[in-house]
Amino acid sequence: MKRFILGILSVACVFSFAACKNQTISDDLDDNIIDINENNNSSTETKDLENVYDYIIEAQPENLKNDLTFFQETDQEMIESYYPGLSDISLKQENIYTPAIIGFAQEIALVEVENSNDVDKVKEIFNKRIEDCKNSVACDPEINEIWATNAEVQVSGNFVAMIALPEGYAIPDNVFANL
């Protein structure tokens, strides 16, 4: 009996890992992108992506900040499954943060590309992740709605961020502002 229950739980875990993957890109990908390059001439300046992550967390409401738990994802196969094509791009830095429990609309992906020509590719990859999750039939409709309303891509020079946060949390207007 224990093996049967363990088998069912294993299958559920597999489905939860793939819950927000492999949907088609919608025509309005650019709706999720905020380009903050206009007043930022620091495309060659080095920024520590860990500081960007800390800034996002510190910007959250004080009463909710401690409830927001992320793990830094380092498994390249997992990262490629979330962001197909990202491994084909030459990156200076890559910090991917996922929730403690898979299946929540909670994800932060921060990258610095080597070549500024790759910024648009990364924006497309990150936007596809948002579109896939907000249109996924495998996710709970409430999770899809959070991906639709509280996820976005931000760009500053060679830096690209994809942020998805649960309801009640706020994405800063410019996650790269204080660096």
N, C-alpha and C. Protein backbone atom coordinates (compact mmCIF):
# COMPACT_ATOMS: atom_id res chain seq x y z
N MET A 1 0.81 -1.19 0.00
CA MET A 1 0.00 0.00 0.00
C MET A 1 0.87 1.27 0.00
N LYS A 2 1.95 1.23 0.81
CA LYS A 2 2.84 2.38 0.86
C LYS A 2 3.47 2.64 -0.50
N ARG A 3 3.84 1.58 -1.20
CA ARG A 3 4.45 1.74 -2.52
C ARG A 3 3.45 2.32 -3.51
N PHE A 4 2.21 1.92 -3.41
CA PHE A 4 1.17 2.45 -4.29
C PHE A 4 1.00 3.95 -4.07
N ILE A 5 0.91 4.36 -2.81
CA ILE A 5 0.77 5.79 -2.48
C ILE A 5 2.01 6.56 -2.92
N LEU A 6 3.19 5.97 -2.69
CA LEU A 6 4.43 6.62 -3.12
C LEU A 6 4.47 6.77 -4.64
N GLY A 7 3.98 5.77 -5.35
CA GLY A 7 3.91 5.86 -6.81
C GLY A 7 3.00 6.97 -7.27
N ILE A 8 1.84 7.10 -6.64
CA ILE A 8 0.90 8.17 -6.99
C ILE A 8 1.51 9.53 -6.71
N LEU A 9 2.17 9.68 -5.56
CA LEU A 9 2.83 10.94 -5.23
C LEU A 9 3.95 11.26 -6.23
N SER A 10 4.68 10.25 -6.66
CA SER A 10 5.74 10.47 -7.65
C SER A 10 5.17 10.98 -8.96
N VAL A 11 4.07 10.38 -9.40
CA VAL A 11 3.43 10.83 -10.64
C VAL A 11 2.93 12.26 -10.48
N ALA A 12 2.35 12.58 -9.34
CA ALA A 12 1.88 13.95 -9.09
C ALA A 12 3.03 14.94 -9.13
N CYS A 13 4.18 14.56 -8.58
CA CYS A 13 5.35 15.45 -8.63
C CYS A 13 5.81 15.70 -10.05
N VAL A 14 5.82 14.66 -10.86
CA VAL A 14 6.24 14.81 -12.25
C VAL A 14 5.32 15.78 -12.97
N PHE A 15 4.02 15.64 -12.76
CA PHE A 15 3.07 16.54 -13.41
C PHE A 15 3.22 17.97 -12.89
N SER A 16 3.52 18.13 -11.61
CA SER A 16 3.67 19.49 -11.08
C SER A 16 4.91 20.17 -11.63
N PHE A 17 5.97 19.40 -11.92
CA PHE A 17 7.16 20.00 -12.52
C PHE A 17 6.87 20.51 -13.93
N ALA A 18 6.00 19.84 -14.62
CA ALA A 18 5.69 20.22 -16.00
C ALA A 18 4.42 21.06 -16.09
N ALA A 19 3.89 21.49 -14.97
CA ALA A 19 2.58 22.13 -14.94
C ALA A 19 2.47 23.38 -15.80
N CYS A 20 3.50 24.14 -15.87
CA CYS A 20 3.41 25.41 -16.58
C CYS A 20 4.35 25.44 -17.77
N LYS A 21 4.37 24.39 -18.56
CA LYS A 21 5.31 24.26 -19.67
C LYS A 21 4.58 23.85 -20.94
N ASN A 22 5.19 24.14 -22.07
CA ASN A 22 4.78 23.65 -23.38
C ASN A 22 3.40 24.12 -23.84
N GLN A 23 3.15 25.39 -23.75
CA GLN A 23 1.96 25.99 -24.33
C GLN A 23 2.41 26.86 -25.49
N THR A 24 1.48 27.33 -26.31
CA THR A 24 1.86 28.16 -27.45
C THR A 24 2.02 29.62 -27.02
N ILE A 25 2.84 30.35 -27.78
CA ILE A 25 3.07 31.76 -27.50
C ILE A 25 1.88 32.55 -28.03
N SER A 26 1.39 33.48 -27.23
CA SER A 26 0.30 34.31 -27.72
C SER A 26 0.88 35.47 -28.51
N ASP A 27 0.02 36.16 -29.25
CA ASP A 27 0.47 37.25 -30.10
C ASP A 27 0.88 38.49 -29.32
N ASP A 28 0.51 38.56 -28.04
CA ASP A 28 0.77 39.79 -27.29
C ASP A 28 1.91 39.62 -26.30
N LEU A 29 3.00 38.99 -26.70
CA LEU A 29 4.13 38.79 -25.81
C LEU A 29 4.68 40.10 -25.26
N ASP A 30 4.69 41.14 -26.07
CA ASP A 30 5.27 42.40 -25.64
C ASP A 30 4.49 43.06 -24.51
N ASP A 31 3.28 42.60 -24.21
CA ASP A 31 2.50 43.18 -23.12
C ASP A 31 3.18 42.99 -21.77
N ASN A 32 4.04 41.98 -21.64
CA ASN A 32 4.68 41.67 -20.37
C ASN A 32 6.04 42.33 -20.21
N ILE A 33 6.51 43.04 -21.23
CA ILE A 33 7.87 43.58 -21.20
C ILE A 33 7.87 45.05 -20.80
N ILE A 34 8.74 45.38 -19.88
CA ILE A 34 8.96 46.77 -19.52
C ILE A 34 10.42 47.06 -19.84
N ASP A 35 10.66 47.94 -20.79
CA ASP A 35 12.02 48.30 -21.18
C ASP A 35 12.42 49.55 -20.42
N ILE A 36 13.42 49.41 -19.56
CA ILE A 36 13.84 50.52 -18.73
C ILE A 36 15.19 51.06 -19.17
N ASN A 37 15.50 50.89 -20.45
CA ASN A 37 16.77 51.37 -21.01
C ASN A 37 16.78 52.87 -21.26
N GLU A 38 15.64 53.50 -21.36
CA GLU A 38 15.57 54.89 -21.78
C GLU A 38 16.50 55.80 -21.01
N ASN A 39 16.52 55.68 -19.69
CA ASN A 39 17.36 56.55 -18.87
C ASN A 39 18.53 55.82 -18.26
N ASN A 40 18.92 54.70 -18.85
CA ASN A 40 19.98 53.89 -18.27
C ASN A 40 21.04 53.64 -19.32
N ASN A 41 22.21 54.21 -19.11
CA ASN A 41 23.32 54.04 -20.04
C ASN A 41 24.38 53.11 -19.46
N SER A 42 23.97 52.19 -18.60
CA SER A 42 24.94 51.36 -17.89
C SER A 42 24.99 49.94 -18.44
N SER A 43 24.82 49.76 -19.74
CA SER A 43 24.78 48.41 -20.29
C SER A 43 26.10 47.66 -20.09
N THR A 44 27.21 48.33 -19.92
CA THR A 44 28.48 47.65 -19.72
C THR A 44 28.84 47.55 -18.24
N GLU A 45 28.08 48.20 -17.39
CA GLU A 45 28.33 48.19 -15.96
C GLU A 45 27.97 46.82 -15.38
N THR A 46 28.79 46.31 -14.49
CA THR A 46 28.51 45.02 -13.88
C THR A 46 27.63 45.21 -12.65
N LYS A 47 26.58 44.42 -12.60
CA LYS A 47 25.67 44.43 -11.46
C LYS A 47 25.60 43.01 -10.92
N ASP A 48 25.63 42.88 -9.65
CA ASP A 48 25.51 41.56 -9.04
C ASP A 48 24.03 41.20 -9.00
N LEU A 49 23.67 40.13 -9.67
CA LEU A 49 22.27 39.74 -9.74
C LEU A 49 21.71 39.32 -8.39
N GLU A 50 22.55 38.91 -7.48
CA GLU A 50 22.10 38.61 -6.12
C GLU A 50 21.54 39.87 -5.46
N ASN A 51 22.15 41.03 -5.74
CA ASN A 51 21.65 42.31 -5.21
C ASN A 51 20.29 42.66 -5.81
N VAL A 52 20.09 42.32 -7.08
CA VAL A 52 18.79 42.57 -7.72
C VAL A 52 17.72 41.72 -7.03
N TYR A 53 18.02 40.46 -6.81
CA TYR A 53 17.10 39.57 -6.10
C TYR A 53 16.77 40.13 -4.71
N ASP A 54 17.80 40.53 -3.97
CA ASP A 54 17.59 41.09 -2.63
C ASP A 54 16.70 42.33 -2.68
N TYR A 55 16.91 43.17 -3.69
CA TYR A 55 16.09 44.38 -3.85
C TYR A 55 14.62 44.02 -4.07
N ILE A 56 14.36 43.01 -4.89
CA ILE A 56 12.98 42.57 -5.15
C ILE A 56 12.33 42.09 -3.85
N ILE A 57 13.05 41.31 -3.08
CA ILE A 57 12.52 40.78 -1.82
C ILE A 57 12.30 41.91 -0.81
N GLU A 58 13.26 42.81 -0.70
CA GLU A 58 13.15 43.92 0.25
C GLU A 58 12.02 44.87 -0.11
N ALA A 59 11.61 44.92 -1.36
CA ALA A 59 10.53 45.81 -1.80
C ALA A 59 9.15 45.28 -1.44
N GLN A 60 9.08 44.09 -0.88
CA GLN A 60 7.78 43.49 -0.58
C GLN A 60 7.20 44.03 0.73
N PRO A 61 5.88 43.95 0.86
CA PRO A 61 5.25 44.41 2.11
C PRO A 61 5.84 43.71 3.32
N GLU A 62 6.11 44.45 4.35
CA GLU A 62 6.77 43.93 5.54
C GLU A 62 6.05 42.72 6.13
N ASN A 63 4.72 42.75 6.14
CA ASN A 63 3.96 41.66 6.75
C ASN A 63 3.96 40.38 5.89
N LEU A 64 4.39 40.46 4.63
CA LEU A 64 4.40 39.30 3.74
C LEU A 64 5.81 38.82 3.39
N LYS A 65 6.79 39.65 3.65
CA LYS A 65 8.17 39.39 3.21
C LYS A 65 8.68 38.02 3.65
N ASN A 66 8.42 37.64 4.89
CA ASN A 66 8.93 36.38 5.42
C ASN A 66 8.21 35.16 4.85
N ASP A 67 7.06 35.36 4.25
CA ASP A 67 6.32 34.25 3.65
C ASP A 67 6.78 33.92 2.24
N LEU A 68 7.61 34.75 1.66
CA LEU A 68 8.08 34.58 0.29
C LEU A 68 9.38 33.78 0.31
N THR A 69 9.30 32.50 -0.05
CA THR A 69 10.46 31.63 0.00
C THR A 69 10.84 31.15 -1.38
N PHE A 70 12.09 31.36 -1.75
CA PHE A 70 12.62 30.91 -3.03
C PHE A 70 13.85 30.03 -2.80
N PHE A 71 14.09 29.16 -3.76
CA PHE A 71 15.35 28.42 -3.80
C PHE A 71 16.05 28.77 -5.09
N GLN A 72 17.36 28.94 -5.03
CA GLN A 72 18.10 29.22 -6.25
C GLN A 72 18.24 27.91 -7.03
N GLU A 73 17.77 27.94 -8.27
CA GLU A 73 17.81 26.76 -9.13
C GLU A 73 19.14 26.72 -9.86
N THR A 74 19.85 25.60 -9.76
CA THR A 74 21.13 25.45 -10.43
C THR A 74 21.14 24.29 -11.41
N ASP A 75 20.11 23.45 -11.37
CA ASP A 75 20.03 22.31 -12.28
C ASP A 75 19.74 22.81 -13.69
N GLN A 76 20.73 22.70 -14.57
CA GLN A 76 20.60 23.24 -15.92
C GLN A 76 19.49 22.57 -16.73
N GLU A 77 19.22 21.30 -16.48
CA GLU A 77 18.11 20.63 -17.18
C GLU A 77 16.77 21.24 -16.76
N MET A 78 16.63 21.52 -15.47
CA MET A 78 15.40 22.13 -14.97
C MET A 78 15.25 23.54 -15.54
N ILE A 79 16.34 24.30 -15.54
CA ILE A 79 16.29 25.66 -16.08
C ILE A 79 15.92 25.63 -17.56
N GLU A 80 16.49 24.71 -18.30
CA GLU A 80 16.18 24.60 -19.73
C GLU A 80 14.72 24.18 -19.95
N SER A 81 14.17 23.37 -19.04
CA SER A 81 12.77 22.98 -19.18
C SER A 81 11.82 24.16 -18.93
N TYR A 82 12.22 25.07 -18.06
CA TYR A 82 11.43 26.27 -17.80
C TYR A 82 11.62 27.32 -18.89
N TYR A 83 12.85 27.45 -19.36
CA TYR A 83 13.22 28.50 -20.31
C TYR A 83 13.93 27.90 -21.52
N PRO A 84 13.20 27.18 -22.37
CA PRO A 84 13.84 26.54 -23.53
C PRO A 84 14.58 27.55 -24.40
N GLY A 85 15.83 27.24 -24.70
CA GLY A 85 16.65 28.12 -25.53
C GLY A 85 17.60 28.99 -24.74
N LEU A 86 17.39 29.14 -23.44
CA LEU A 86 18.25 30.00 -22.63
C LEU A 86 19.68 29.46 -22.59
N SER A 87 19.83 28.14 -22.59
CA SER A 87 21.17 27.55 -22.53
C SER A 87 21.96 27.78 -23.82
N ASP A 88 21.29 28.17 -24.90
CA ASP A 88 21.97 28.45 -26.16
C ASP A 88 22.55 29.86 -26.21
N ILE A 89 22.24 30.67 -25.22
CA ILE A 89 22.67 32.07 -25.18
C ILE A 89 23.85 32.20 -24.22
N SER A 90 24.87 32.93 -24.64
CA SER A 90 26.05 33.15 -23.81
C SER A 90 25.71 34.19 -22.73
N LEU A 91 25.79 33.75 -21.47
CA LEU A 91 25.43 34.60 -20.34
C LEU A 91 26.65 34.90 -19.47
N LYS A 92 26.71 36.13 -18.96
CA LYS A 92 27.72 36.48 -17.97
C LYS A 92 27.27 36.01 -16.58
N GLN A 93 25.97 36.19 -16.32
CA GLN A 93 25.40 35.81 -15.03
C GLN A 93 24.02 35.20 -15.26
N GLU A 94 23.65 34.28 -14.39
CA GLU A 94 22.32 33.67 -14.43
C GLU A 94 21.93 33.29 -13.01
N ASN A 95 20.86 33.90 -12.51
CA ASN A 95 20.32 33.57 -11.20
C ASN A 95 18.84 33.28 -11.39
N ILE A 96 18.44 32.04 -11.16
CA ILE A 96 17.06 31.61 -11.31
C ILE A 96 16.56 31.18 -9.92
N TYR A 97 15.41 31.71 -9.52
CA TYR A 97 14.83 31.41 -8.22
C TYR A 97 13.44 30.83 -8.42
N THR A 98 13.20 29.68 -7.78
CA THR A 98 11.91 29.00 -7.90
C THR A 98 11.30 28.85 -6.51
N PRO A 99 10.00 28.59 -6.45
CA PRO A 99 9.35 28.47 -5.14
C PRO A 99 9.77 27.19 -4.42
N ALA A 100 9.58 27.20 -3.12
CA ALA A 100 9.88 26.02 -2.32
C ALA A 100 8.97 24.85 -2.71
N ILE A 101 7.77 25.16 -3.14
CA ILE A 101 6.81 24.15 -3.56
C ILE A 101 6.42 24.45 -5.00
N ILE A 102 6.63 23.51 -5.89
CA ILE A 102 6.32 23.68 -7.31
C ILE A 102 4.81 23.86 -7.48
N GLY A 103 4.44 24.70 -8.43
CA GLY A 103 3.03 24.89 -8.74
C GLY A 103 2.51 26.25 -8.33
N PHE A 104 3.35 27.07 -7.72
CA PHE A 104 2.93 28.41 -7.33
C PHE A 104 3.39 29.41 -8.38
N ALA A 105 2.68 30.51 -8.49
CA ALA A 105 3.07 31.59 -9.41
C ALA A 105 4.10 32.43 -8.68
N GLN A 106 5.31 31.93 -8.64
CA GLN A 106 6.37 32.57 -7.87
C GLN A 106 7.70 32.17 -8.51
N GLU A 107 8.32 33.10 -9.21
CA GLU A 107 9.54 32.78 -9.92
C GLU A 107 10.29 34.08 -10.23
N ILE A 108 11.59 34.05 -10.09
CA ILE A 108 12.43 35.18 -10.45
C ILE A 108 13.59 34.65 -11.29
N ALA A 109 13.73 35.16 -12.50
CA ALA A 109 14.84 34.78 -13.38
C ALA A 109 15.60 36.05 -13.73
N LEU A 110 16.88 36.06 -13.44
CA LEU A 110 17.73 37.23 -13.68
C LEU A 110 18.94 36.78 -14.49
N VAL A 111 19.18 37.45 -15.60
CA VAL A 111 20.35 37.11 -16.42
C VAL A 111 21.04 38.37 -16.93
N GLU A 112 22.32 38.22 -17.19
CA GLU A 112 23.09 39.23 -17.91
C GLU A 112 23.66 38.52 -19.13
N VAL A 113 23.34 39.01 -20.31
CA VAL A 113 23.83 38.40 -21.54
C VAL A 113 25.20 38.96 -21.90
N GLU A 114 26.02 38.13 -22.54
CA GLU A 114 27.34 38.57 -23.02
C GLU A 114 27.19 39.57 -24.16
N ASN A 115 26.25 39.31 -25.06
CA ASN A 115 26.08 40.07 -26.29
C ASN A 115 24.73 40.78 -26.26
N SER A 116 24.73 42.09 -26.43
CA SER A 116 23.48 42.86 -26.37
C SER A 116 22.47 42.41 -27.43
N ASN A 117 22.94 41.77 -28.50
CA ASN A 117 22.02 41.26 -29.52
C ASN A 117 21.15 40.13 -29.00
N ASP A 118 21.52 39.53 -27.88
CA ASP A 118 20.75 38.42 -27.31
C ASP A 118 19.65 38.86 -26.35
N VAL A 119 19.60 40.14 -26.03
CA VAL A 119 18.59 40.64 -25.09
C VAL A 119 17.18 40.30 -25.58
N ASP A 120 16.91 40.54 -26.87
CA ASP A 120 15.58 40.26 -27.41
C ASP A 120 15.25 38.77 -27.35
N LYS A 121 16.24 37.91 -27.53
CA LYS A 121 16.01 36.47 -27.44
C LYS A 121 15.60 36.08 -26.03
N VAL A 122 16.31 36.64 -25.04
CA VAL A 122 15.99 36.34 -23.65
C VAL A 122 14.60 36.88 -23.30
N LYS A 123 14.28 38.09 -23.75
CA LYS A 123 12.94 38.64 -23.51
C LYS A 123 11.88 37.69 -24.07
N GLU A 124 12.11 37.18 -25.27
CA GLU A 124 11.15 36.25 -25.88
C GLU A 124 11.02 34.97 -25.07
N ILE A 125 12.14 34.43 -24.60
CA ILE A 125 12.11 33.21 -23.79
C ILE A 125 11.36 33.45 -22.48
N PHE A 126 11.66 34.56 -21.81
CA PHE A 126 10.99 34.86 -20.55
C PHE A 126 9.51 35.15 -20.76
N ASN A 127 9.19 35.85 -21.82
CA ASN A 127 7.78 36.13 -22.12
C ASN A 127 7.03 34.85 -22.43
N LYS A 128 7.68 33.93 -23.11
CA LYS A 128 7.03 32.65 -23.42
C LYS A 128 6.71 31.90 -22.13
N ARG A 129 7.61 31.96 -21.16
CA ARG A 129 7.37 31.32 -19.86
C ARG A 129 6.11 31.91 -19.22
N ILE A 130 5.98 33.22 -19.24
CA ILE A 130 4.79 33.87 -18.67
C ILE A 130 3.54 33.42 -19.43
N GLU A 131 3.60 33.47 -20.75
CA GLU A 131 2.44 33.08 -21.57
C GLU A 131 2.07 31.62 -21.33
N ASP A 132 3.06 30.73 -21.28
CA ASP A 132 2.80 29.32 -21.05
C ASP A 132 2.09 29.10 -19.72
N CYS A 133 2.56 29.78 -18.70
CA CYS A 133 1.99 29.59 -17.36
C CYS A 133 0.61 30.21 -17.23
N LYS A 134 0.40 31.35 -17.86
CA LYS A 134 -0.92 31.96 -17.71
C LYS A 134 -1.98 31.27 -18.57
N ASN A 135 -1.55 30.48 -19.53
CA ASN A 135 -2.50 29.75 -20.39
C ASN A 135 -2.50 28.25 -20.14
N SER A 136 -1.76 27.77 -19.16
CA SER A 136 -1.63 26.34 -18.92
C SER A 136 -2.93 25.73 -18.41
N VAL A 137 -3.31 24.62 -19.01
CA VAL A 137 -4.49 23.90 -18.53
C VAL A 137 -4.13 23.03 -17.33
N ALA A 138 -2.83 22.81 -17.10
CA ALA A 138 -2.39 21.98 -15.99
C ALA A 138 -2.36 22.75 -14.67
N CYS A 139 -2.38 24.08 -14.75
CA CYS A 139 -2.35 24.90 -13.53
C CYS A 139 -3.75 25.24 -13.07
N ASP A 140 -3.89 25.47 -11.80
CA ASP A 140 -5.14 25.95 -11.23
C ASP A 140 -5.46 27.31 -11.86
N PRO A 141 -6.73 27.59 -12.19
CA PRO A 141 -7.08 28.88 -12.81
C PRO A 141 -6.63 30.09 -12.00
N GLU A 142 -6.61 29.98 -10.68
CA GLU A 142 -6.13 31.10 -9.85
C GLU A 142 -4.64 31.34 -10.08
N ILE A 143 -3.88 30.28 -10.28
CA ILE A 143 -2.44 30.40 -10.56
C ILE A 143 -2.25 31.06 -11.93
N ASN A 144 -3.04 30.62 -12.91
CA ASN A 144 -2.97 31.22 -14.25
C ASN A 144 -3.24 32.72 -14.18
N GLU A 145 -4.21 33.11 -13.39
CA GLU A 145 -4.57 34.52 -13.26
C GLU A 145 -3.43 35.33 -12.64
N ILE A 146 -2.75 34.76 -11.67
CA ILE A 146 -1.61 35.46 -11.07
C ILE A 146 -0.50 35.64 -12.11
N TRP A 147 -0.24 34.60 -12.91
CA TRP A 147 0.76 34.74 -13.97
C TRP A 147 0.33 35.83 -14.96
N ALA A 148 -0.97 35.94 -15.19
CA ALA A 148 -1.47 36.94 -16.15
C ALA A 148 -1.37 38.36 -15.60
N THR A 149 -1.52 38.52 -14.29
CA THR A 149 -1.59 39.87 -13.73
C THR A 149 -0.36 40.31 -12.94
N ASN A 150 0.46 39.37 -12.47
CA ASN A 150 1.58 39.76 -11.63
C ASN A 150 2.89 39.08 -12.06
N ALA A 151 3.11 39.09 -13.37
CA ALA A 151 4.38 38.60 -13.92
C ALA A 151 4.78 39.53 -15.05
N GLU A 152 6.07 39.84 -15.13
CA GLU A 152 6.54 40.74 -16.18
C GLU A 152 8.02 40.53 -16.44
N VAL A 153 8.46 41.08 -17.57
CA VAL A 153 9.87 41.07 -17.96
C VAL A 153 10.36 42.51 -17.92
N GLN A 154 11.55 42.71 -17.35
CA GLN A 154 12.17 44.03 -17.33
C GLN A 154 13.57 43.93 -17.94
N VAL A 155 13.98 45.01 -18.59
CA VAL A 155 15.27 45.05 -19.28
C VAL A 155 16.02 46.32 -18.91
N SER A 156 17.32 46.17 -18.73
CA SER A 156 18.21 47.32 -18.53
C SER A 156 19.55 46.95 -19.14
N GLY A 157 19.86 47.53 -20.29
CA GLY A 157 21.11 47.20 -20.97
C GLY A 157 21.16 45.72 -21.31
N ASN A 158 22.18 45.02 -20.83
CA ASN A 158 22.32 43.59 -21.08
C ASN A 158 21.68 42.73 -20.00
N PHE A 159 20.94 43.35 -19.11
CA PHE A 159 20.30 42.64 -18.00
C PHE A 159 18.81 42.45 -18.31
N VAL A 160 18.34 41.22 -18.04
CA VAL A 160 16.93 40.91 -18.27
C VAL A 160 16.41 40.18 -17.03
N ALA A 161 15.22 40.58 -16.59
CA ALA A 161 14.60 39.95 -15.43
C ALA A 161 13.19 39.50 -15.79
N MET A 162 12.81 38.33 -15.30
CA MET A 162 11.43 37.86 -15.38
C MET A 162 11.01 37.63 -13.93
N ILE A 163 9.95 38.33 -13.52
CA ILE A 163 9.49 38.25 -12.15
C ILE A 163 8.03 37.85 -12.14
N ALA A 164 7.70 36.84 -11.38
CA ALA A 164 6.31 36.44 -11.14
C ALA A 164 6.15 36.28 -9.63
N LEU A 165 5.23 37.02 -9.07
CA LEU A 165 5.02 36.99 -7.62
C LEU A 165 3.56 36.73 -7.30
N PRO A 166 3.32 36.08 -6.17
CA PRO A 166 1.94 35.78 -5.77
C PRO A 166 1.11 37.03 -5.53
N GLU A 167 -0.18 36.84 -5.44
CA GLU A 167 -1.10 37.94 -5.16
C GLU A 167 -0.72 38.60 -3.83
N GLY A 168 -0.76 39.93 -3.81
CA GLY A 168 -0.43 40.69 -2.62
C GLY A 168 0.99 41.21 -2.61
N TYR A 169 1.82 40.67 -3.49
CA TYR A 169 3.21 41.12 -3.60
C TYR A 169 3.34 42.07 -4.77
N ALA A 170 4.36 42.93 -4.74
CA ALA A 170 4.52 43.94 -5.77
C ALA A 170 5.86 43.77 -6.48
N ILE A 171 5.82 43.91 -7.80
CA ILE A 171 7.04 43.91 -8.59
C ILE A 171 7.52 45.36 -8.69
N PRO A 172 8.74 45.65 -8.25
CA PRO A 172 9.23 47.03 -8.36
C PRO A 172 9.21 47.51 -9.81
N ASP A 173 8.98 48.80 -10.02
CA ASP A 173 8.93 49.37 -11.37
C ASP A 173 10.23 49.16 -12.14
N ASN A 174 11.36 49.19 -11.44
CA ASN A 174 12.65 49.01 -12.09
C ASN A 174 13.53 48.22 -11.12
N VAL A 175 13.60 46.91 -11.33
CA VAL A 175 14.37 46.07 -10.40
C VAL A 175 15.86 46.35 -10.45
N PHE A 176 16.31 47.02 -11.49
CA PHE A 176 17.73 47.34 -11.65
C PHE A 176 18.07 48.76 -11.15
N ALA A 177 17.10 49.48 -10.61
CA ALA A 177 17.26 50.90 -10.27
C ALA A 177 18.34 51.19 -9.23
N ASN A 178 18.45 50.40 -8.22
CA ASN A 178 19.35 50.73 -7.11
C ASN A 178 20.73 50.12 -7.24
N LEU A 179 21.12 49.77 -8.46
CA LEU A 179 22.44 49.15 -8.62
C LEU A 179 23.37 50.02 -9.40
